Amino acid sequence: MKYTSEIFQRLSHGQFISSNSIDADTRAIYNDIEENQQDYEDYFNQIDFQLSSGDGFYYFSRKEAKVIMENKLQSLFSWIDYIDFLKTYDTAFGAGTQFSLVQMESKLSTIPGLKEKLVQLFPDKPSNRLKLEALAGALEGMGFAELVNEADGMYQVSNAFHYIEQILLCINIDEDVKDEIPQ
């Protein structure tokens, strides 16, 4: 357990530690957690943090009050739109995918509806490039993507992307109520 501080610094800020990170230090931390998972779980439980894992990634989870949970659900709405845009851009978009903003920008005019989705995501940004940079920033900020090559703006999607995909797969809209307005 040589990375307790580094793990806490990353995970307590809502980030993820992914096995396919391009950063060697992150991969080393992931491997240490994997080798000492029970020890880390016990350690962080003492300070009321639960070390949780997904398919190739680790994160913190905590039992929270209903009000906090509702706020988190509100923030999930933007991710539904982000994923919709990304899956329209590339139906196979997921962990391990590499993308560049230049590639995305060039597909805005060739994929029906893609540009309109981008405009809806970031109506306050004046250009497509700034909108795409905001999207990449959101992905990077959550740990769902990492900048692989700054020179050509190439990103790689991390295994933590499975987390948001799994959450969205849990959303089940009943056909009888999909057109109703919640009260």
Protein backbone atom coordinates (compact mmCIF):
# COMPACT_ATOMS: atom_id res chain seq x y z
CA MET A 1 0.00 0.00 0.00
CA LYS A 2 2.41 2.63 -1.17
CA TYR A 3 -0.03 4.89 -3.02
CA THR A 4 -2.65 5.79 -0.40
CA SER A 5 -2.08 9.52 -0.74
CA GLU A 6 -2.10 9.50 -4.56
CA ILE A 7 -5.22 7.33 -4.65
CA PHE A 8 -7.04 9.59 -2.21
CA GLN A 9 -6.03 12.75 -4.10
CA ARG A 10 -7.41 11.39 -7.37
CA LEU A 11 -10.47 9.48 -6.28
CA SER A 12 -11.72 11.95 -3.67
CA HIS A 13 -12.05 14.51 -6.48
CA GLY A 14 -14.34 12.21 -8.47
CA GLN A 15 -11.68 10.94 -10.83
CA PHE A 16 -10.95 7.36 -11.82
CA ILE A 17 -7.84 5.19 -11.93
CA SER A 18 -7.89 3.13 -15.14
CA SER A 19 -5.85 0.13 -16.15
CA ASN A 20 -5.42 1.40 -19.71
CA SER A 21 -4.17 4.87 -18.75
CA ILE A 22 -1.45 6.26 -20.98
CA ASP A 23 0.29 7.53 -17.81
CA ALA A 24 2.76 4.97 -16.41
CA ASP A 25 2.24 6.24 -12.83
CA THR A 26 -1.52 5.74 -13.10
CA ARG A 27 -1.04 2.19 -14.39
CA ALA A 28 1.36 1.48 -11.50
CA ILE A 29 -1.21 2.78 -9.01
CA TYR A 30 -3.93 0.67 -10.66
CA ASN A 31 -1.74 -2.44 -10.42
CA ASP A 32 -0.95 -1.77 -6.75
CA ILE A 33 -4.65 -1.37 -5.96
CA GLU A 34 -5.39 -4.60 -7.81
CA GLU A 35 -2.70 -6.46 -5.84
CA ASN A 36 -3.73 -4.98 -2.47
CA GLN A 37 -7.41 -4.28 -3.02
CA GLN A 38 -8.68 -5.57 0.33
CA ASP A 39 -6.05 -3.60 2.24
CA TYR A 40 -6.96 -0.41 0.39
CA GLU A 41 -10.68 -1.05 0.89
CA ASP A 42 -10.17 -1.50 4.63
CA TYR A 43 -7.98 1.60 4.84
CA PHE A 44 -10.40 3.91 3.03
CA ASN A 45 -13.46 2.49 4.82
CA GLN A 46 -12.00 3.93 8.03
CA ILE A 47 -12.51 7.44 6.62
CA ASP A 48 -15.95 6.62 5.18
CA PHE A 49 -14.85 6.16 1.56
CA GLN A 50 -15.68 3.00 -0.30
CA LEU A 51 -13.14 1.87 -2.90
CA SER A 52 -15.18 0.46 -5.76
CA SER A 53 -14.15 -1.13 -9.02
CA GLY A 54 -15.54 -1.52 -12.49
CA ASP A 55 -14.28 -3.12 -15.66
CA GLY A 56 -10.65 -1.96 -15.55
CA PHE A 57 -11.06 1.06 -13.25
CA TYR A 58 -11.38 2.10 -9.61
CA TYR A 59 -13.35 4.93 -8.01
CA PHE A 60 -14.71 6.08 -4.65
CA SER A 61 -18.36 5.71 -3.75
CA ARG A 62 -20.19 6.70 -0.59
CA LYS A 63 -23.63 6.29 0.85
CA GLU A 64 -25.29 9.65 0.43
CA ALA A 65 -28.44 11.47 1.40
CA LYS A 66 -31.31 11.53 -1.08
CA VAL A 67 -30.81 15.26 -1.81
CA ILE A 68 -27.18 14.73 -2.79
CA MET A 69 -28.19 11.77 -4.94
CA GLU A 70 -30.78 13.89 -6.75
CA ASN A 71 -28.14 16.56 -7.47
CA LYS A 72 -25.89 13.90 -8.95
CA LEU A 73 -28.72 12.69 -11.14
CA GLN A 74 -29.22 16.24 -12.41
CA SER A 75 -25.55 16.38 -13.44
CA LEU A 76 -26.01 13.08 -15.28
CA PHE A 77 -28.34 14.73 -17.80
CA SER A 78 -25.46 16.43 -19.63
CA TRP A 79 -23.63 13.10 -19.87
CA ILE A 80 -26.62 11.55 -21.60
CA ASP A 81 -26.25 14.20 -24.30
CA TYR A 82 -22.46 13.82 -24.46
CA ILE A 83 -22.75 10.05 -24.95
CA ASP A 84 -25.47 10.55 -27.56
CA PHE A 85 -23.12 12.83 -29.51
CA LEU A 86 -20.13 10.48 -29.16
CA LYS A 87 -22.09 7.38 -30.19
CA THR A 88 -23.49 9.29 -33.18
CA TYR A 89 -19.93 10.29 -34.10
CA ASP A 90 -18.77 6.66 -33.78
CA THR A 91 -21.14 3.87 -32.76
CA ALA A 92 -18.16 1.90 -31.41
CA PHE A 93 -16.96 4.84 -29.28
CA GLY A 94 -15.80 3.42 -25.96
CA ALA A 95 -12.83 2.43 -23.83
CA GLY A 96 -9.68 2.28 -25.93
CA THR A 97 -11.03 4.48 -28.74
CA GLN A 98 -8.65 7.15 -29.95
CA PHE A 99 -10.04 10.36 -31.39
CA SER A 100 -8.88 13.81 -32.34
CA LEU A 101 -10.80 17.05 -32.43
CA VAL A 102 -9.75 17.51 -36.07
CA GLN A 103 -11.35 14.16 -36.97
CA MET A 104 -14.51 15.05 -35.09
CA GLU A 105 -14.70 18.46 -36.70
CA SER A 106 -14.39 16.97 -40.18
CA LYS A 107 -17.25 14.55 -39.51
CA LEU A 108 -19.64 17.31 -38.42
CA SER A 109 -20.66 17.90 -42.01
CA THR A 110 -20.75 14.25 -43.09
CA ILE A 111 -22.78 12.61 -40.30
CA PRO A 112 -26.44 13.67 -40.33
CA GLY A 113 -27.48 15.48 -37.16
CA LEU A 114 -24.02 15.49 -35.57
CA LYS A 115 -23.46 19.23 -35.89
CA GLU A 116 -26.89 19.97 -34.44
CA LYS A 117 -26.17 17.74 -31.45
CA LEU A 118 -22.91 19.61 -30.84
CA VAL A 119 -24.64 22.98 -31.02
CA GLN A 120 -27.18 21.82 -28.42
CA LEU A 121 -24.39 20.61 -26.10
CA PHE A 122 -22.57 23.93 -25.96
CA PRO A 123 -24.79 26.74 -27.25
CA ASP A 124 -22.63 29.37 -25.52
CA LYS A 125 -19.46 28.43 -27.44
CA PRO A 126 -19.06 30.47 -30.66
CA SER A 127 -17.27 27.88 -32.83
CA ASN A 128 -17.39 24.14 -33.44
CA ARG A 129 -13.75 23.86 -32.37
CA LEU A 130 -14.46 25.48 -29.00
CA LYS A 131 -17.49 23.22 -28.54
CA LEU A 132 -15.36 20.12 -29.23
CA GLU A 133 -12.64 21.38 -26.90
CA ALA A 134 -15.29 21.77 -24.16
CA LEU A 135 -16.47 18.20 -24.76
CA ALA A 136 -12.90 16.86 -24.67
CA GLY A 137 -12.31 18.89 -21.51
CA ALA A 138 -15.37 17.32 -19.87
CA LEU A 139 -14.19 13.83 -20.82
CA GLU A 140 -10.67 14.55 -19.61
CA GLY A 141 -11.86 16.25 -16.42
CA MET A 142 -13.82 13.18 -15.37
CA GLY A 143 -11.01 10.82 -16.31
CA PHE A 144 -12.97 9.30 -19.19
CA ALA A 145 -10.29 10.32 -21.72
CA GLU A 146 -6.63 11.30 -21.69
CA LEU A 147 -4.62 13.47 -24.04
CA VAL A 148 -2.23 11.12 -25.84
CA ASN A 149 -0.53 13.60 -28.16
CA GLU A 150 -0.84 17.33 -27.62
CA ALA A 151 0.66 18.18 -31.02
CA ASP A 152 -2.13 16.52 -33.00
CA GLY A 153 -4.81 16.70 -30.28
CA MET A 154 -5.20 12.93 -30.05
CA TYR A 155 -7.15 11.55 -27.09
CA GLN A 156 -7.67 8.01 -25.83
CA VAL A 157 -10.80 6.90 -24.01
CA SER A 158 -10.01 5.25 -20.67
CA ASN A 159 -11.64 2.20 -19.13
CA ALA A 160 -13.43 4.57 -16.74
CA PHE A 161 -15.76 5.35 -19.68
CA HIS A 162 -17.44 2.02 -18.84
CA TYR A 163 -18.70 3.69 -15.66
CA ILE A 164 -20.84 6.26 -17.47
CA GLU A 165 -21.95 3.69 -20.05
CA GLN A 166 -23.11 1.33 -17.29
CA ILE A 167 -25.03 4.09 -15.54
CA LEU A 168 -26.79 5.02 -18.77
CA LEU A 169 -27.64 1.39 -19.48
CA CYS A 170 -29.44 1.30 -16.12
CA ILE A 171 -31.84 4.00 -17.26
CA ASN A 172 -35.04 2.31 -18.26
CA ILE A 173 -37.88 4.44 -19.57
CA ASP A 174 -41.20 2.65 -19.44
CA GLU A 175 -43.03 2.94 -22.77
CA ASP A 176 -46.27 3.92 -21.00
CA VAL A 177 -44.73 6.95 -19.29
CA LYS A 178 -42.07 8.16 -21.72
CA ASP A 179 -44.23 11.03 -22.99
CA GLU A 180 -45.52 12.11 -19.59
CA ILE A 181 -44.19 15.19 -17.86
CA PRO A 182 -43.01 14.45 -14.31
CA GLN A 183 -44.75 16.44 -11.57
